[in-house]
Amino acid sequence: MKLVFDRERDRYQLLRTGWQGDRRVFGALIHIDIEDGKIWIQYDSTEIGVANELTDQGIPKTDIVLAYHAPFMRQYNGFAIA
């Protein structure tokens, strides 16, 4: 696992890197951006869900955008639209 932080642009990723047998593995497990005071979850492949972890820590759903949902669907997910 590798952490990638770009604090200037508020972009954060957790990457999976390495080998599974003779096959190279590389890809994002989590990608989060902070834009206009909101947490934009661009990608989340965790079982628990980053949004759930954030709300458990007291961050309101109105401050979290599930960016991997299409914009027209966000009104139904209980989190911020944008």
C-alpha atoms as a PDB file:
ATOM      1  CA  MET A   1       0.000   0.000   0.000  1.00  0.00           C
ATOM      2  CA  LYS A   2       1.142   3.515  -0.781  1.00  0.00           C
ATOM      3  CA  LEU A   3      -0.264   6.848   0.353  1.00  0.00           C
ATOM      4  CA  VAL A   4      -0.216   9.735  -2.102  1.00  0.00           C
ATOM      5  CA  PHE A   5      -0.889  13.195  -0.657  1.00  0.00           C
ATOM      6  CA  ASP A   6      -0.996  16.386  -2.694  1.00  0.00           C
ATOM      7  CA  ARG A   7      -1.628  18.962   0.012  1.00  0.00           C
ATOM      8  CA  GLU A   8      -1.347  21.906  -2.398  1.00  0.00           C
ATOM      9  CA  ARG A   9      -4.319  20.674  -4.415  1.00  0.00           C
ATOM     10  CA  ASP A  10      -6.042  18.687  -1.609  1.00  0.00           C
ATOM     11  CA  ARG A  11      -5.931  15.330  -3.413  1.00  0.00           C
ATOM     12  CA  TYR A  12      -5.390  12.115  -1.491  1.00  0.00           C
ATOM     13  CA  GLN A  13      -5.085   8.496  -2.591  1.00  0.00           C
ATOM     14  CA  LEU A  14      -4.404   5.100  -1.124  1.00  0.00           C
ATOM     15  CA  LEU A  15      -2.829   2.886  -3.796  1.00  0.00           C
ATOM     16  CA  ARG A  16      -2.413  -0.844  -3.922  1.00  0.00           C
ATOM     17  CA  THR A  17       0.914  -1.793  -5.483  1.00  0.00           C
ATOM     18  CA  GLY A  18       2.886  -4.983  -5.720  1.00  0.00           C
ATOM     19  CA  TRP A  19       2.630  -8.457  -7.113  1.00  0.00           C
ATOM     20  CA  GLN A  20       0.086 -11.263  -6.917  1.00  0.00           C
ATOM     21  CA  GLY A  21       2.063 -14.261  -8.058  1.00  0.00           C
ATOM     22  CA  ASP A  22       3.520 -13.237 -11.409  1.00  0.00           C
ATOM     23  CA  ARG A  23       0.926 -10.523 -12.046  1.00  0.00           C
ATOM     24  CA  ARG A  24       1.603  -6.837 -11.321  1.00  0.00           C
ATOM     25  CA  VAL A  25      -1.062  -5.134  -9.188  1.00  0.00           C
ATOM     26  CA  PHE A  26      -1.490  -1.369  -9.222  1.00  0.00           C
ATOM     27  CA  GLY A  27      -4.518   0.804  -8.642  1.00  0.00           C
ATOM     28  CA  ALA A  28      -6.334   3.198  -6.372  1.00  0.00           C
ATOM     29  CA  LEU A  29      -8.284   1.836  -3.420  1.00  0.00           C
ATOM     30  CA  ILE A  30      -9.396   5.275  -2.279  1.00  0.00           C
ATOM     31  CA  HIS A  31      -9.276   8.676  -3.997  1.00  0.00           C
ATOM     32  CA  ILE A  32     -10.500  11.781  -2.163  1.00  0.00           C
ATOM     33  CA  ASP A  33     -10.376  15.453  -3.163  1.00  0.00           C
ATOM     34  CA  ILE A  34     -11.311  18.451  -1.064  1.00  0.00           C
ATOM     35  CA  GLU A  35     -13.022  21.125  -3.150  1.00  0.00           C
ATOM     36  CA  ASP A  36     -14.919  24.193  -1.973  1.00  0.00           C
ATOM     37  CA  GLY A  37     -14.939  22.926   1.604  1.00  0.00           C
ATOM     38  CA  LYS A  38     -16.486  19.576   0.706  1.00  0.00           C
ATOM     39  CA  ILE A  39     -14.962  16.103   0.706  1.00  0.00           C
ATOM     40  CA  TRP A  40     -15.342  14.575  -2.765  1.00  0.00           C
ATOM     41  CA  ILE A  41     -14.968  10.811  -2.665  1.00  0.00           C
ATOM     42  CA  GLN A  42     -13.883  10.097  -6.226  1.00  0.00           C
ATOM     43  CA  TYR A  43     -13.312   6.378  -5.728  1.00  0.00           C
ATOM     44  CA  ASP A  44     -13.818   3.960  -2.842  1.00  0.00           C
ATOM     45  CA  SER A  45     -13.285   0.229  -3.097  1.00  0.00           C
ATOM     46  CA  THR A  46     -13.365  -0.466   0.638  1.00  0.00           C
ATOM     47  CA  GLU A  47     -15.983  -2.711   2.215  1.00  0.00           C
ATOM     48  CA  ILE A  48     -16.967  -0.315   4.996  1.00  0.00           C
ATOM     49  CA  GLY A  49     -16.968   2.812   2.869  1.00  0.00           C
ATOM     50  CA  VAL A  50     -14.999   5.974   3.445  1.00  0.00           C
ATOM     51  CA  ALA A  51     -18.215   8.034   3.670  1.00  0.00           C
ATOM     52  CA  ASN A  52     -19.416   5.854   6.543  1.00  0.00           C
ATOM     53  CA  GLU A  53     -16.094   6.233   8.327  1.00  0.00           C
ATOM     54  CA  LEU A  54     -16.230  10.015   7.905  1.00  0.00           C
ATOM     55  CA  THR A  55     -19.797  10.301   9.213  1.00  0.00           C
ATOM     56  CA  ASP A  56     -18.862   8.065  12.170  1.00  0.00           C
ATOM     57  CA  GLN A  57     -16.150  10.649  12.926  1.00  0.00           C
ATOM     58  CA  GLY A  58     -18.740  13.435  13.007  1.00  0.00           C
ATOM     59  CA  ILE A  59     -18.430  14.875   9.516  1.00  0.00           C
ATOM     60  CA  PRO A  60     -21.917  15.784   8.295  1.00  0.00           C
ATOM     61  CA  LYS A  61     -23.267  14.121   5.162  1.00  0.00           C
ATOM     62  CA  THR A  62     -23.815  17.613   3.740  1.00  0.00           C
ATOM     63  CA  ASP A  63     -20.004  17.982   3.567  1.00  0.00           C
ATOM     64  CA  ILE A  64     -19.420  14.718   1.674  1.00  0.00           C
ATOM     65  CA  VAL A  65     -20.005  14.257  -2.063  1.00  0.00           C
ATOM     66  CA  LEU A  66     -20.074  10.737  -3.485  1.00  0.00           C
ATOM     67  CA  ALA A  67     -18.478  11.810  -6.755  1.00  0.00           C
ATOM     68  CA  TYR A  68     -18.563   8.272  -8.131  1.00  0.00           C
ATOM     69  CA  HIS A  69     -22.358   8.596  -8.339  1.00  0.00           C
ATOM     70  CA  ALA A  70     -23.713  10.345 -11.426  1.00  0.00           C
ATOM     71  CA  PRO A  71     -24.696  13.967 -10.665  1.00  0.00           C
ATOM     72  CA  PHE A  72     -28.393  13.312 -11.323  1.00  0.00           C
ATOM     73  CA  MET A  73     -28.361  10.378  -8.828  1.00  0.00           C
ATOM     74  CA  ARG A  74     -26.724  12.247  -5.939  1.00  0.00           C
ATOM     75  CA  GLN A  75     -30.039  13.719  -4.812  1.00  0.00           C
ATOM     76  CA  TYR A  76     -31.066  10.208  -3.719  1.00  0.00           C
ATOM     77  CA  ASN A  77     -27.989   9.075  -1.765  1.00  0.00           C
ATOM     78  CA  GLY A  78     -28.398  11.226   1.359  1.00  0.00           C
ATOM     79  CA  PHE A  79     -25.075  13.012   0.904  1.00  0.00           C
ATOM     80  CA  ALA A  80     -24.184  16.378  -0.610  1.00  0.00           C
ATOM     81  CA  ILE A  81     -25.112  16.958  -4.251  1.00  0.00           C
ATOM     82  CA  ALA A  82     -22.084  19.160  -4.969  1.00  0.00           C
END
